[in-house]
């Protein structure tokens, strides 16, 4: 199993399973959780008034070079486990970008 298990095709983009760790000193992708089949992302914000979710969406928008309107939180608004939809990109493109970050 590899991190590619966290990424699946969607009708107009790609879904990514994300597990967030809040309140860290640095922002970024920290690895892959093979048990939950999710990408781990460290956030400097805490889940207060949606700040952690906002930071996650902004960060993903930046690394996938997509406008913020193309990055959607599908599920997990109040959970550390989230499903994100990145529109106008396919799973192969997502995996290529993640491969350069994770490995």
Protein backbone atom coordinates (compact mmCIF):
# COMPACT_ATOMS: atom_id res chain seq x y z
CA UNK A 1 0.00 0.00 0.00
CA UNK A 2 1.08 3.53 -0.72
CA UNK A 3 -0.20 7.06 -0.34
CA UNK A 4 -2.04 6.72 -3.67
CA UNK A 5 -4.75 4.79 -1.76
CA UNK A 6 -5.80 8.15 -0.28
CA UNK A 7 -6.60 9.61 -3.72
CA UNK A 8 -9.52 8.66 -5.96
CA UNK A 9 -11.02 10.11 -9.11
CA UNK A 10 -14.16 12.22 -8.93
CA UNK A 11 -16.44 13.31 -11.76
CA UNK A 12 -14.74 16.71 -12.08
CA UNK A 13 -11.57 16.26 -10.05
CA UNK A 14 -10.05 14.09 -7.36
CA UNK A 15 -10.95 13.17 -3.80
CA UNK A 16 -8.23 13.12 -1.15
CA UNK A 17 -8.58 11.57 2.30
CA UNK A 18 -6.84 13.88 4.77
CA UNK A 19 -6.03 13.51 8.45
CA UNK A 20 -5.16 16.82 10.11
CA UNK A 21 -2.98 17.47 13.12
CA UNK A 22 -3.79 20.89 14.58
CA UNK A 23 -1.69 23.37 16.48
CA UNK A 24 1.72 22.31 15.22
CA UNK A 25 4.71 24.58 14.78
CA UNK A 26 4.82 24.10 11.02
CA UNK A 27 2.36 23.79 8.17
CA UNK A 28 2.70 20.97 5.66
CA UNK A 29 2.18 17.39 4.63
CA UNK A 30 3.86 15.13 7.15
CA UNK A 31 3.27 11.71 5.64
CA UNK A 32 0.80 8.92 4.98
CA UNK A 33 -1.26 6.94 7.49
CA UNK A 34 -1.40 3.46 5.98
CA UNK A 35 -4.03 2.25 8.47
CA UNK A 36 -6.50 5.03 7.68
CA UNK A 37 -5.31 5.38 4.08
CA UNK A 38 -5.04 9.14 4.46
CA UNK A 39 -2.55 11.93 3.89
CA UNK A 40 -1.43 13.57 7.14
CA UNK A 41 -1.33 17.36 7.14
CA UNK A 42 0.04 19.48 9.98
CA UNK A 43 -1.74 22.78 10.62
CA UNK A 44 -0.59 25.67 12.76
CA UNK A 45 -4.20 26.74 13.41
CA UNK A 46 -6.66 25.19 15.85
CA UNK A 47 -10.28 24.28 15.09
CA UNK A 48 -11.70 27.55 16.37
CA UNK A 49 -14.32 29.25 14.22
CA UNK A 50 -13.27 27.15 11.21
CA UNK A 51 -9.71 28.48 11.15
CA UNK A 52 -8.09 25.04 10.79
CA UNK A 53 -10.37 24.10 7.89
CA UNK A 54 -9.70 27.45 6.20
CA UNK A 55 -5.95 26.97 6.57
CA UNK A 56 -6.18 23.44 5.16
CA UNK A 57 -8.13 24.57 2.09
CA UNK A 58 -5.76 27.51 1.46
CA UNK A 59 -2.73 25.21 1.81
CA UNK A 60 -4.14 22.59 -0.59
CA UNK A 61 -5.09 25.33 -3.04
CA UNK A 62 -1.47 26.49 -3.02
CA UNK A 63 0.23 23.11 -3.41
CA UNK A 64 -2.12 21.96 -6.18
CA UNK A 65 -2.02 25.42 -7.83
CA UNK A 66 -5.80 25.71 -7.97
CA UNK A 67 -8.04 28.63 -7.04
CA UNK A 68 -9.56 28.32 -3.57
CA UNK A 69 -13.01 27.86 -5.17
CA UNK A 70 -11.76 24.54 -6.65
CA UNK A 71 -10.92 23.09 -3.22
CA UNK A 72 -13.96 21.80 -1.34
CA UNK A 73 -14.38 20.22 2.08
CA UNK A 74 -16.80 17.36 1.33
CA UNK A 75 -16.94 15.81 4.80
CA UNK A 76 -15.25 16.04 8.18
CA UNK A 77 -15.96 19.65 9.08
CA UNK A 78 -15.66 18.89 12.81
CA UNK A 79 -13.38 15.84 12.55
CA UNK A 80 -9.65 15.38 12.15
CA UNK A 81 -10.43 13.07 9.22
CA UNK A 82 -11.61 14.92 6.15
CA UNK A 83 -12.55 14.25 2.54
CA UNK A 84 -11.44 16.97 0.17
CA UNK A 85 -12.43 17.46 -3.46
CA UNK A 86 -9.94 19.21 -5.71
CA UNK A 87 -11.74 20.21 -8.90
CA UNK A 88 -10.23 20.42 -12.38
CA UNK A 89 -7.43 17.96 -11.66
CA UNK A 90 -7.23 14.18 -11.94
CA UNK A 91 -5.89 11.64 -9.48
CA UNK A 92 -2.72 11.06 -11.49
CA UNK A 93 -1.83 14.76 -11.29
CA UNK A 94 -2.59 14.79 -7.55
CA UNK A 95 -0.41 11.72 -7.01
CA UNK A 96 2.47 13.27 -8.96
CA UNK A 97 2.39 16.40 -6.79
CA UNK A 98 2.07 14.38 -3.55
CA UNK A 99 4.90 12.05 -4.60
CA UNK A 100 7.26 15.05 -4.79
CA UNK A 101 6.22 16.16 -1.29
CA UNK A 102 5.94 12.85 0.59
CA UNK A 103 8.89 10.92 -0.81
